[in-house]
Protein backbone atom coordinates (compact mmCIF):
# COMPACT_ATOMS: atom_id res chain seq x y z
CA MET A 1 -19.62 -6.39 -12.65
CA LYS A 2 -16.42 -6.89 -14.73
CA LYS A 3 -14.44 -9.61 -13.11
CA ASP A 4 -11.11 -8.68 -14.75
CA GLY A 5 -11.05 -5.14 -13.31
CA SER A 6 -12.89 -5.45 -10.06
CA VAL A 7 -11.46 -4.56 -6.69
CA HIS A 8 -12.41 -8.04 -5.58
CA GLN A 9 -10.09 -9.54 -8.21
CA LYS A 10 -7.30 -7.18 -7.11
CA GLY A 11 -7.71 -8.42 -3.59
CA ILE A 12 -7.33 -12.01 -4.73
CA LEU A 13 -4.19 -11.03 -6.65
CA VAL A 14 -2.75 -9.35 -3.45
CA LEU A 15 -3.43 -12.60 -1.44
CA ARG A 16 -1.59 -14.57 -4.03
CA LEU A 17 1.29 -12.31 -4.07
CA LYS A 18 1.64 -12.28 -0.29
CA HIS A 19 3.97 -15.27 -0.12
CA LYS A 20 6.04 -13.88 -2.91
CA ARG A 21 7.14 -10.97 -0.73
CA GLU A 22 8.65 -13.45 1.66
CA GLU A 23 10.80 -15.07 -1.08
CA ASN A 24 14.53 -15.10 -0.80
CA ASN A 25 14.78 -13.73 -4.36
CA ALA A 26 15.09 -9.94 -3.96
CA SER A 27 13.92 -9.18 -7.49
CA LEU A 28 10.71 -11.20 -7.00
CA ARG A 29 10.09 -9.51 -3.62
CA SER A 30 10.73 -6.10 -5.22
CA ALA A 31 8.36 -6.84 -8.12
CA SER A 32 5.45 -8.14 -5.94
CA ILE A 33 5.78 -5.18 -3.61
CA SER A 34 5.74 -2.70 -6.60
CA LEU A 35 2.67 -4.51 -7.92
CA LEU A 36 0.95 -4.00 -4.63
CA GLY A 37 1.70 -0.34 -4.90
CA ASN A 38 0.31 -0.18 -8.30
CA ILE A 39 -2.84 -1.99 -7.15
CA ALA A 40 -3.22 0.56 -4.36
CA LYS A 41 -2.81 3.37 -6.87
CA TYR A 42 -5.45 1.84 -9.05
CA GLY A 43 -7.72 1.26 -6.04
CA ILE A 44 -7.63 4.90 -4.93
CA GLY A 45 -8.24 6.08 -8.42
CA ARG A 46 -11.28 3.81 -8.73
CA ALA A 47 -12.48 4.96 -5.38
CA ALA A 48 -12.25 8.63 -6.43
CA ALA A 49 -14.08 7.83 -9.63
CA MET A 50 -16.72 6.02 -7.57
CA ASP A 51 -17.39 9.28 -5.61
CA GLU A 52 -17.84 11.19 -8.92
CA ALA A 53 -19.95 8.68 -10.88
CA ASP A 54 -22.74 6.48 -9.57
CA ASP A 55 -22.63 4.12 -12.48
CA LEU A 56 -19.33 2.40 -11.67
CA GLU A 57 -19.87 -1.04 -10.38
CA ILE A 58 -17.78 -1.15 -7.24
CA ASN A 59 -19.77 -2.09 -4.17
CA SER A 60 -18.77 -1.43 -0.60
CA SER A 61 -18.05 -5.10 0.16
CA ASN A 62 -15.46 -5.17 -2.75
CA TRP A 63 -13.92 -1.92 -1.48
CA ASN A 64 -13.91 -3.26 2.10
CA ALA A 65 -11.98 -6.33 0.95
CA PHE A 66 -9.51 -4.18 -0.90
CA GLU A 67 -9.04 -1.94 2.14
CA GLU A 68 -8.50 -5.04 4.27
CA GLN A 69 -5.68 -6.08 1.97
CA VAL A 70 -4.07 -2.66 2.38
CA LYS A 71 -4.32 -2.93 6.14
CA SER A 72 -3.01 -6.48 6.31
CA ASN A 73 0.10 -5.67 4.21
CA LEU A 74 0.96 -2.49 6.06
CA VAL A 75 3.15 -4.07 8.70
CA CYS A 76 4.93 -6.26 6.28
CA LEU A 77 5.84 -3.27 4.12
CA LEU A 78 6.96 -1.30 7.07
CA LEU A 79 9.24 -4.10 8.13
CA ARG A 80 10.61 -4.44 4.65
CA LEU A 81 11.79 -0.84 4.75
CA ALA A 82 14.77 -2.33 6.61
CA ASP A 83 15.52 -5.01 3.87
CA SER A 84 19.07 -5.36 2.85
CA GLU A 85 18.30 -5.00 -0.77
CA GLU A 86 17.87 -1.38 -2.08
CA ASP A 87 15.34 -2.33 -4.79
CA VAL A 88 13.09 -3.92 -2.14
CA VAL A 89 13.33 -0.79 -0.03
CA LYS A 90 12.43 1.37 -3.01
CA SER A 91 9.47 -0.79 -3.82
CA CYS A 92 8.23 -0.55 -0.19
CA LYS A 93 8.55 3.22 -0.22
CA PHE A 94 6.55 3.40 -3.52
CA ALA A 95 3.85 1.05 -2.24
CA LEU A 96 3.55 2.85 1.12
CA ARG A 97 3.29 6.15 -0.61
CA GLU A 98 0.48 4.88 -2.80
CA MET A 99 -1.28 3.24 0.22
CA SER A 100 -0.86 6.56 2.13
CA HIS A 101 -3.60 8.08 -0.07
CA ILE A 102 -5.98 5.47 1.20
CA MET A 103 -4.96 6.14 4.78
CA GLU A 104 -5.45 9.81 4.42
CA ILE A 105 -8.90 9.73 2.59
CA HIS A 106 -10.56 6.69 3.99
CA TRP A 107 -8.96 6.22 7.45
CA HIS A 108 -8.73 9.96 8.25
CA ALA A 109 -4.96 9.39 9.06
CA LYS A 110 -3.73 12.69 7.41
CA LYS A 111 -0.65 13.00 9.74
CA VAL A 112 0.42 9.40 9.08
CA ALA A 113 -0.01 9.76 5.32
CA SER A 114 1.83 13.04 5.36
CA MET A 115 4.72 11.52 7.26
CA ILE A 116 4.99 8.68 4.81
CA GLN A 117 4.86 11.08 1.82
CA LEU A 118 7.51 13.30 3.35
CA HIS A 119 9.93 10.65 4.53
CA LEU A 120 9.66 7.77 2.12
CA ILE A 121 11.31 9.24 -0.94
CA ASP A 122 13.23 6.95 -3.33
CA VAL A 123 16.52 8.78 -3.36
CA ALA A 124 16.90 9.48 0.32
CA THR A 125 18.33 7.24 3.00
CA LEU A 126 15.81 6.38 5.64
CA GLN A 127 16.66 6.59 9.28
CA TYR A 128 14.53 3.40 9.86
CA GLU A 129 14.52 3.30 13.64
CA ARG A 130 13.68 7.02 14.08
CA PHE A 131 11.07 6.80 11.24
CA MET A 132 9.34 3.83 12.90
CA THR A 133 9.33 5.32 16.38
CA ASP A 134 7.79 8.55 15.09
CA LEU A 135 5.24 6.73 12.82
CA VAL A 136 4.14 4.42 15.77
CA LYS A 137 3.65 7.50 17.96
CA LEU A 138 1.50 9.11 15.25
CA MET A 139 -0.62 5.95 14.84
CA LEU A 140 -1.19 5.68 18.50
CA LEU A 141 -2.60 9.19 18.90
């Protein structure tokens, strides 16, 4: 397995970035969250390719580790949607939209993914409290 492009290596990178999202520096928070979104985008692309070609070397334990990182970062990103810095909020919206593809395909959470895609657009102002209330209701169903 290629170590530089494996899902396992991406999971390690996500863990190392986790503390950066808690920094006081807004540009660093924004960049680390955007990177998480790009990793999710890459991960779902690799998973789709995995379904189409059996010769790719991504095993289920690496995918499970990657999925666990997505799950463990979900709450943090949802909370950061209320960040005072606009760039951080935009990065969170992007990351959550990319992660929503994983939710839809692998967690069978189509309604949650659709809500994220519909409401978390970069140019719109999010009604945070209403969004979170509706999202939690969907997640609990």
